Protein backbone atom coordinates (compact mmCIF):
# COMPACT_ATOMS: atom_id res chain seq x y z
CA HIS A 1 0.00 0.00 0.00
CA LEU A 2 1.04 3.61 -0.35
CA PHE A 3 3.01 5.28 2.43
CA ASP A 4 1.25 8.28 3.96
CA CYS A 5 4.04 10.85 4.14
CA CYS A 6 1.78 13.38 5.90
CA LYS A 7 0.74 11.12 8.78
CA GLY A 8 3.32 12.47 11.23
CA ALA A 9 2.33 16.07 10.59
CA ARG A 10 -1.35 15.24 11.06
CA ILE A 11 -0.62 13.46 14.35
CA CYS A 12 1.39 16.44 15.64
CA ARG A 13 -1.34 18.88 14.60
CA PHE A 14 -4.01 16.73 16.31
CA LEU A 15 -2.02 16.46 19.55
CA ILE A 16 -1.47 20.23 19.64
CA GLU A 17 -5.13 21.00 18.85
CA GLU A 18 -6.26 18.64 21.63
CA GLY A 19 -3.92 20.32 24.13
CA ILE A 20 -1.90 17.14 24.65
CA LEU A 21 1.30 18.78 23.38
CA SER A 22 2.40 22.35 22.83
CA LYS A 23 4.41 23.60 19.86
CA THR A 24 7.41 24.06 22.16
CA GLN A 25 7.45 20.30 22.81
CA ILE A 26 7.79 19.39 19.13
CA VAL A 27 11.36 18.96 17.87
CA LYS A 28 11.97 19.51 14.17
CA PRO A 29 14.56 17.00 12.86
CA VAL A 30 17.60 18.14 10.93
CA SER A 31 18.68 16.57 7.66
CA ALA A 32 21.32 13.84 7.84
CA SER A 33 24.77 14.86 6.69
CA LYS A 34 26.51 13.09 3.82
CA ASP A 35 28.93 11.55 6.34
CA ASP A 36 26.01 10.16 8.36
CA LEU A 37 24.56 8.56 5.23
CA LEU A 38 27.86 6.96 4.21
CA VAL A 39 28.42 5.06 7.48
């Protein structure tokens, strides 16, 4: 089946809207460096 690439964003938005999390509790990931990918 197809992978839902927006699922994580929808979950975060839902948790914030429901007051379970605040925006300050969400950590935005950084992109992996080329060195990290070549390990």
